[in-house]
């Protein structure tokens, strides 16, 4: 393994985690939304609807990205 690359990846993980936590503490309603999104994803999986589950996962990831980007711009 490349030690420098591993260090860079670990640093990125830490930064992403920090932005995630900051984003959620600044917007507690977002945490509620995340739980609701997860529930919808699990319901689609439980209903054996892979297309809907995929759609919901993509939507969830986009929402998380947007939330993190807003937090980054505010800081």
PDB file of N, CA and C in Angstrom:
ATOM      1  N   UNK A   1       0.833  -1.201   0.000  1.00  0.00           N
ATOM      2  CA  UNK A   1       0.000   0.000   0.000  1.00  0.00           C
ATOM      3  C   UNK A   1       0.867   1.250   0.000  1.00  0.00           C
ATOM      4  N   UNK A   2       0.346   2.256  -0.633  1.00  0.00           N
ATOM      5  CA  UNK A   2       1.020   3.541  -0.652  1.00  0.00           C
ATOM      6  C   UNK A   2       0.635   4.318   0.608  1.00  0.00           C
ATOM      7  N   UNK A   3       1.604   4.543   1.491  1.00  0.00           N
ATOM      8  CA  UNK A   3       1.324   5.187   2.782  1.00  0.00           C
ATOM      9  C   UNK A   3       0.814   6.614   2.615  1.00  0.00           C
ATOM     10  N   UNK A   4       1.348   7.323   1.646  1.00  0.00           N
ATOM     11  CA  UNK A   4       0.920   8.708   1.432  1.00  0.00           C
ATOM     12  C   UNK A   4      -0.537   8.747   0.962  1.00  0.00           C
ATOM     13  N   UNK A   5      -0.885   7.879   0.035  1.00  0.00           N
ATOM     14  CA  UNK A   5      -2.263   7.812  -0.460  1.00  0.00           C
ATOM     15  C   UNK A   5      -3.221   7.417   0.660  1.00  0.00           C
ATOM     16  N   UNK A   6      -2.814   6.464   1.481  1.00  0.00           N
ATOM     17  CA  UNK A   6      -3.636   6.044   2.621  1.00  0.00           C
ATOM     18  C   UNK A   6      -3.861   7.208   3.574  1.00  0.00           C
ATOM     19  N   UNK A   7      -2.821   7.986   3.822  1.00  0.00           N
ATOM     20  CA  UNK A   7      -2.949   9.150   4.714  1.00  0.00           C
ATOM     21  C   UNK A   7      -3.903  10.183   4.127  1.00  0.00           C
ATOM     22  N   UNK A   8      -3.818  10.408   2.827  1.00  0.00           N
ATOM     23  CA  UNK A   8      -4.719  11.363   2.167  1.00  0.00           C
ATOM     24  C   UNK A   8      -6.164  10.890   2.274  1.00  0.00           C
ATOM     25  N   UNK A   9      -6.400   9.617   2.014  1.00  0.00           N
ATOM     26  CA  UNK A   9      -7.762   9.068   2.098  1.00  0.00           C
ATOM     27  C   UNK A   9      -8.308   9.154   3.517  1.00  0.00           C
ATOM     28  N   UNK A  10      -7.483   8.857   4.500  1.00  0.00           N
ATOM     29  CA  UNK A  10      -7.920   8.959   5.897  1.00  0.00           C
ATOM     30  C   UNK A  10      -8.271  10.396   6.256  1.00  0.00           C
ATOM     31  N   UNK A  11      -7.483  11.344   5.770  1.00  0.00           N
ATOM     32  CA  UNK A  11      -7.755  12.755   6.012  1.00  0.00           C
ATOM     33  C   UNK A  11      -9.091  13.154   5.386  1.00  0.00           C
ATOM     34  N   UNK A  12      -9.334  12.706   4.163  1.00  0.00           N
ATOM     35  CA  UNK A  12     -10.609  13.006   3.496  1.00  0.00           C
ATOM     36  C   UNK A  12     -11.787  12.416   4.264  1.00  0.00           C
ATOM     37  N   UNK A  13     -11.635  11.195   4.741  1.00  0.00           N
ATOM     38  CA  UNK A  13     -12.709  10.566   5.524  1.00  0.00           C
ATOM     39  C   UNK A  13     -13.032  11.396   6.763  1.00  0.00           C
ATOM     40  N   UNK A  14     -11.986  11.860   7.436  1.00  0.00           N
ATOM     41  CA  UNK A  14     -12.182  12.678   8.639  1.00  0.00           C
ATOM     42  C   UNK A  14     -12.903  13.981   8.303  1.00  0.00           C
ATOM     43  N   UNK A  15     -12.516  14.617   7.208  1.00  0.00           N
ATOM     44  CA  UNK A  15     -13.158  15.869   6.811  1.00  0.00           C
ATOM     45  C   UNK A  15     -14.623  15.647   6.443  1.00  0.00           C
ATOM     46  N   UNK A  16     -14.895  14.592   5.711  1.00  0.00           N
ATOM     47  CA  UNK A  16     -16.277  14.279   5.332  1.00  0.00           C
ATOM     48  C   UNK A  16     -17.109  14.021   6.578  1.00  0.00           C
ATOM     49  N   UNK A  17     -16.550  13.271   7.516  1.00  0.00           N
ATOM     50  CA  UNK A  17     -17.271  12.989   8.762  1.00  0.00           C
ATOM     51  C   UNK A  17     -17.559  14.291   9.509  1.00  0.00           C
ATOM     52  N   UNK A  18     -16.576  15.169   9.578  1.00  0.00           N
ATOM     53  CA  UNK A  18     -16.744  16.451  10.275  1.00  0.00           C
ATOM     54  C   UNK A  18     -17.853  17.279   9.622  1.00  0.00           C
ATOM     55  N   UNK A  19     -17.864  17.343   8.290  1.00  0.00           N
ATOM     56  CA  UNK A  19     -18.908  18.101   7.601  1.00  0.00           C
ATOM     57  C   UNK A  19     -20.276  17.472   7.807  1.00  0.00           C
ATOM     58  N   UNK A  20     -20.310  16.157   7.839  1.00  0.00           N
ATOM     59  CA  UNK A  20     -21.574  15.458   8.077  1.00  0.00           C
ATOM     60  C   UNK A  20     -22.140  15.827   9.444  1.00  0.00           C
ATOM     61  N   UNK A  21     -21.297  15.743  10.451  1.00  0.00           N
ATOM     62  CA  UNK A  21     -21.723  16.057  11.819  1.00  0.00           C
ATOM     63  C   UNK A  21     -22.140  17.518  11.921  1.00  0.00           C
ATOM     64  N   UNK A  22     -21.332  18.412  11.361  1.00  0.00           N
ATOM     65  CA  UNK A  22     -21.647  19.840  11.395  1.00  0.00           C
ATOM     66  C   UNK A  22     -22.966  20.119  10.693  1.00  0.00           C
ATOM     67  N   UNK A  23     -23.160  19.497   9.553  1.00  0.00           N
ATOM     68  CA  UNK A  23     -24.388  19.696   8.785  1.00  0.00           C
ATOM     69  C   UNK A  23     -25.611  19.280   9.590  1.00  0.00           C
ATOM     70  N   UNK A  24     -25.512  18.164  10.284  1.00  0.00           N
ATOM     71  CA  UNK A  24     -26.658  17.654  11.047  1.00  0.00           C
ATOM     72  C   UNK A  24     -26.907  18.457  12.306  1.00  0.00           C
ATOM     73  N   UNK A  25     -25.850  18.950  12.945  1.00  0.00           N
ATOM     74  CA  UNK A  25     -26.060  19.724  14.169  1.00  0.00           C
ATOM     75  C   UNK A  25     -26.618  21.107  13.852  1.00  0.00           C
ATOM     76  N   UNK A  26     -26.291  21.637  12.683  1.00  0.00           N
ATOM     77  CA  UNK A  26     -26.834  22.938  12.290  1.00  0.00           C
ATOM     78  C   UNK A  26     -28.264  22.823  11.775  1.00  0.00           C
ATOM     79  N   UNK A  27     -28.656  21.640  11.362  1.00  0.00           N
ATOM     80  CA  UNK A  27     -29.987  21.451  10.796  1.00  0.00           C
ATOM     81  C   UNK A  27     -30.578  20.138  11.313  1.00  0.00           C
ATOM     82  N   UNK A  28     -31.117  20.149  12.548  1.00  0.00           N
ATOM     83  CA  UNK A  28     -31.662  18.918  13.127  1.00  0.00           C
ATOM     84  C   UNK A  28     -32.817  18.328  12.314  1.00  0.00           C
ATOM     85  N   UNK A  29     -33.528  19.166  11.574  1.00  0.00           N
ATOM     86  CA  UNK A  29     -34.614  18.656  10.727  1.00  0.00           C
ATOM     87  C   UNK A  29     -34.068  17.735   9.643  1.00  0.00           C
ATOM     88  N   UNK A  30     -32.839  17.983   9.226  1.00  0.00           N
ATOM     89  CA  UNK A  30     -32.221  17.138   8.201  1.00  0.00           C
ATOM     90  C   UNK A  30     -32.047  15.717   8.719  1.00  0.00           C
ATOM     91  N   UNK A  31     -31.735  15.582  10.006  1.00  0.00           N
ATOM     92  CA  UNK A  31     -31.587  14.252  10.595  1.00  0.00           C
ATOM     93  C   UNK A  31     -32.902  13.487  10.498  1.00  0.00           C
ATOM     94  N   UNK A  32     -34.000  14.165  10.788  1.00  0.00           N
ATOM     95  CA  UNK A  32     -35.324  13.544  10.652  1.00  0.00           C
ATOM     96  C   UNK A  32     -35.550  13.115   9.201  1.00  0.00           C
ATOM     97  N   UNK A  33     -35.171  13.986   8.269  1.00  0.00           N
ATOM     98  CA  UNK A  33     -35.317  13.663   6.850  1.00  0.00           C
ATOM     99  C   UNK A  33     -34.492  12.456   6.447  1.00  0.00           C
ATOM    100  N   UNK A  34     -33.300  12.345   7.011  1.00  0.00           N
ATOM    101  CA  UNK A  34     -32.435  11.203   6.700  1.00  0.00           C
ATOM    102  C   UNK A  34     -33.085   9.900   7.152  1.00  0.00           C
ATOM    103  N   UNK A  35     -33.635   9.909   8.366  1.00  0.00           N
ATOM    104  CA  UNK A  35     -34.311   8.703   8.859  1.00  0.00           C
ATOM    105  C   UNK A  35     -35.493   8.338   7.963  1.00  0.00           C
ATOM    106  N   UNK A  36     -36.253   9.345   7.536  1.00  0.00           N
ATOM    107  CA  UNK A  36     -37.394   9.086   6.648  1.00  0.00           C
ATOM    108  C   UNK A  36     -36.933   8.531   5.304  1.00  0.00           C
ATOM    109  N   UNK A  37     -35.840   9.076   4.779  1.00  0.00           N
ATOM    110  CA  UNK A  37     -35.299   8.562   3.518  1.00  0.00           C
ATOM    111  C   UNK A  37     -34.875   7.104   3.675  1.00  0.00           C
ATOM    112  N   UNK A  38     -34.214   6.792   4.780  1.00  0.00           N
ATOM    113  CA  UNK A  38     -33.787   5.410   5.025  1.00  0.00           C
ATOM    114  C   UNK A  38     -34.995   4.487   5.137  1.00  0.00           C
ATOM    115  N   UNK A  39     -36.047   4.943   5.799  1.00  0.00           N
ATOM    116  CA  UNK A  39     -37.258   4.126   5.928  1.00  0.00           C
ATOM    117  C   UNK A  39     -37.864   3.834   4.558  1.00  0.00           C
ATOM    118  N   UNK A  40     -37.897   4.843   3.678  1.00  0.00           N
ATOM    119  CA  UNK A  40     -38.450   4.631   2.327  1.00  0.00           C
ATOM    120  C   UNK A  40     -37.581   3.652   1.532  1.00  0.00           C
ATOM    121  N   UNK A  41     -36.268   3.773   1.684  1.00  0.00           N
ATOM    122  CA  UNK A  41     -35.358   2.852   0.989  1.00  0.00           C
ATOM    123  C   UNK A  41     -35.599   1.423   1.470  1.00  0.00           C
ATOM    124  N   UNK A  42     -35.672   1.246   2.784  1.00  0.00           N
ATOM    125  CA  UNK A  42     -35.912  -0.093   3.339  1.00  0.00           C
ATOM    126  C   UNK A  42     -37.269  -0.640   2.925  1.00  0.00           C
ATOM    127  N   UNK A  43     -38.273   0.223   2.846  1.00  0.00           N
ATOM    128  CA  UNK A  43     -39.605  -0.224   2.412  1.00  0.00           C
ATOM    129  C   UNK A  43     -39.555  -0.711   0.967  1.00  0.00           C
ATOM    130  N   UNK A  44     -38.832  -0.001   0.114  1.00  0.00           N
ATOM    131  CA  UNK A  44     -38.710  -0.425  -1.284  1.00  0.00           C
ATOM    132  C   UNK A  44     -37.978  -1.760  -1.382  1.00  0.00           C
ATOM    133  N   UNK A  45     -36.952  -1.926  -0.578  1.00  0.00           N
ATOM    134  CA  UNK A  45     -36.223  -3.203  -0.559  1.00  0.00           C
ATOM    135  C   UNK A  45     -37.148  -4.306  -0.060  1.00  0.00           C
ATOM    136  N   UNK A  46     -37.888  -4.019   1.016  1.00  0.00           N
ATOM    137  CA  UNK A  46     -38.822  -5.000   1.570  1.00  0.00           C
ATOM    138  C   UNK A  46     -39.922  -5.378   0.599  1.00  0.00           C
ATOM    139  N   UNK A  47     -40.289  -4.440  -0.271  1.00  0.00           N
ATOM    140  CA  UNK A  47     -41.318  -4.699  -1.286  1.00  0.00           C
ATOM    141  C   UNK A  47     -40.738  -5.344  -2.537  1.00  0.00           C
ATOM    142  N   UNK A  48     -39.455  -5.623  -2.488  1.00  0.00           N
ATOM    143  CA  UNK A  48     -38.750  -6.231  -3.623  1.00  0.00           C
ATOM    144  C   UNK A  48     -38.891  -5.386  -4.892  1.00  0.00           C
ATOM    145  N   UNK A  49     -38.671  -4.090  -4.698  1.00  0.00           N
ATOM    146  CA  UNK A  49     -38.753  -3.136  -5.804  1.00  0.00           C
ATOM    147  C   UNK A  49     -37.373  -2.490  -5.989  1.00  0.00           C
ATOM    148  N   UNK A  50     -36.473  -3.187  -6.680  1.00  0.00           N
ATOM    149  CA  UNK A  50     -35.098  -2.688  -6.795  1.00  0.00           C
ATOM    150  C   UNK A  50     -34.990  -1.360  -7.542  1.00  0.00           C
ATOM    151  N   UNK A  51     -35.854  -1.143  -8.527  1.00  0.00           N
ATOM    152  CA  UNK A  51     -35.801   0.115  -9.265  1.00  0.00           C
ATOM    153  C   UNK A  51     -36.130   1.290  -8.346  1.00  0.00           C
ATOM    154  N   UNK A  52     -37.174   1.127  -7.537  1.00  0.00           N
ATOM    155  CA  UNK A  52     -37.566   2.189  -6.602  1.00  0.00           C
ATOM    156  C   UNK A  52     -36.476   2.384  -5.541  1.00  0.00           C
ATOM    157  N   UNK A  53     -35.928   1.287  -5.038  1.00  0.00           N
ATOM    158  CA  UNK A  53     -34.860   1.383  -4.039  1.00  0.00           C
ATOM    159  C   UNK A  53     -33.665   2.140  -4.614  1.00  0.00           C
ATOM    160  N   UNK A  54     -33.295   1.820  -5.838  1.00  0.00           N
ATOM    161  CA  UNK A  54     -32.174   2.507  -6.482  1.00  0.00           C
ATOM    162  C   UNK A  54     -32.465   3.999  -6.639  1.00  0.00           C
ATOM    163  N   UNK A  55     -33.665   4.317  -7.066  1.00  0.00           N
ATOM    164  CA  UNK A  55     -34.073   5.717  -7.229  1.00  0.00           C
ATOM    165  C   UNK A  55     -33.981   6.467  -5.893  1.00  0.00           C
ATOM    166  N   UNK A  56     -34.464   5.833  -4.833  1.00  0.00           N
ATOM    167  CA  UNK A  56     -34.446   6.459  -3.510  1.00  0.00           C
ATOM    168  C   UNK A  56     -33.029   6.621  -2.969  1.00  0.00           C
ATOM    169  N   UNK A  57     -32.176   5.643  -3.225  1.00  0.00           N
ATOM    170  CA  UNK A  57     -30.779   5.737  -2.777  1.00  0.00           C
ATOM    171  C   UNK A  57     -30.081   6.892  -3.495  1.00  0.00           C
ATOM    172  N   UNK A  58     -30.297   7.001  -4.795  1.00  0.00           N
ATOM    173  CA  UNK A  58     -29.688   8.103  -5.551  1.00  0.00           C
ATOM    174  C   UNK A  58     -30.178   9.450  -5.031  1.00  0.00           C
ATOM    175  N   UNK A  59     -31.473   9.537  -4.766  1.00  0.00           N
ATOM    176  CA  UNK A  59     -32.050  10.772  -4.225  1.00  0.00           C
ATOM    177  C   UNK A  59     -31.439  11.096  -2.858  1.00  0.00           C
ATOM    178  N   UNK A  60     -31.295  10.066  -2.031  1.00  0.00           N
ATOM    179  CA  UNK A  60     -30.718  10.249  -0.696  1.00  0.00           C
ATOM    180  C   UNK A  60     -29.278  10.763  -0.793  1.00  0.00           C
ATOM    181  N   UNK A  61     -28.486  10.155  -1.641  1.00  0.00           N
ATOM    182  CA  UNK A  61     -27.090  10.569  -1.799  1.00  0.00           C
ATOM    183  C   UNK A  61     -27.019  12.015  -2.288  1.00  0.00           C
ATOM    184  N   UNK A  62     -27.877  12.369  -3.222  1.00  0.00           N
ATOM    185  CA  UNK A  62     -27.907  13.748  -3.721  1.00  0.00           C
ATOM    186  C   UNK A  62     -28.277  14.726  -2.603  1.00  0.00           C
ATOM    187  N   UNK A  63     -29.254  14.358  -1.782  1.00  0.00           N
ATOM    188  CA  UNK A  63     -29.651  15.213  -0.660  1.00  0.00           C
ATOM    189  C   UNK A  63     -28.505  15.397   0.330  1.00  0.00           C
ATOM    190  N   UNK A  64     -27.798  14.317   0.616  1.00  0.00           N
ATOM    191  CA  UNK A  64     -26.664  14.394   1.546  1.00  0.00           C
ATOM    192  C   UNK A  64     -25.566  15.282   0.960  1.00  0.00           C
ATOM    193  N   UNK A  65     -25.267  15.083  -0.315  1.00  0.00           N
ATOM    194  CA  UNK A  65     -24.245  15.909  -0.965  1.00  0.00           C
ATOM    195  C   UNK A  65     -24.622  17.389  -0.896  1.00  0.00           C
ATOM    196  N   UNK A  66     -25.879  17.699  -1.208  1.00  0.00           N
ATOM    197  CA  UNK A  66     -26.333  19.093  -1.175  1.00  0.00           C
ATOM    198  C   UNK A  66     -26.232  19.675   0.228  1.00  0.00           C
ATOM    199  N   UNK A  67     -26.591  18.887   1.213  1.00  0.00           N
ATOM    200  CA  UNK A  67     -26.526  19.341   2.599  1.00  0.00           C
ATOM    201  C   UNK A  67     -25.081  19.628   3.009  1.00  0.00           C
ATOM    202  N   UNK A  68     -24.177  18.748   2.644  1.00  0.00           N
ATOM    203  CA  UNK A  68     -22.763  18.941   2.971  1.00  0.00           C
ATOM    204  C   UNK A  68     -22.206  20.163   2.240  1.00  0.00           C
ATOM    205  N   UNK A  69     -22.571  20.332   0.978  1.00  0.00           N
ATOM    206  CA  UNK A  69     -22.091  21.482   0.217  1.00  0.00           C
ATOM    207  C   UNK A  69     -22.585  22.795   0.821  1.00  0.00           C
ATOM    208  N   UNK A  70     -23.843  22.829   1.259  1.00  0.00           N
ATOM    209  CA  UNK A  70     -24.369  24.036   1.909  1.00  0.00           C
ATOM    210  C   UNK A  70     -23.573  24.345   3.176  1.00  0.00           C
ATOM    211  N   UNK A  71     -23.289  23.309   3.949  1.00  0.00           N
ATOM    212  CA  UNK A  71     -22.527  23.494   5.185  1.00  0.00           C
ATOM    213  C   UNK A  71     -21.125  24.008   4.878  1.00  0.00           C
ATOM    214  N   UNK A  72     -20.496  23.469   3.845  1.00  0.00           N
ATOM    215  CA  UNK A  72     -19.153  23.905   3.478  1.00  0.00           C
ATOM    216  C   UNK A  72     -19.158  25.379   3.065  1.00  0.00           C
ATOM    217  N   UNK A  73     -20.169  25.792   2.323  1.00  0.00           N
ATOM    218  CA  UNK A  73     -20.250  27.184   1.875  1.00  0.00           C
ATOM    219  C   UNK A  73     -20.476  28.131   3.043  1.00  0.00           C
ATOM    220  N   UNK A  74     -21.212  27.667   4.050  1.00  0.00           N
ATOM    221  CA  UNK A  74     -21.496  28.495   5.220  1.00  0.00           C
ATOM    222  C   UNK A  74     -20.264  28.662   6.101  1.00  0.00           C
ATOM    223  N   UNK A  75     -19.370  27.688   6.050  1.00  0.00           N
ATOM    224  CA  UNK A  75     -18.170  27.743   6.904  1.00  0.00           C
ATOM    225  C   UNK A  75     -17.095  28.390   6.138  1.00  0.00           C
TER     226      UNK A  75
END
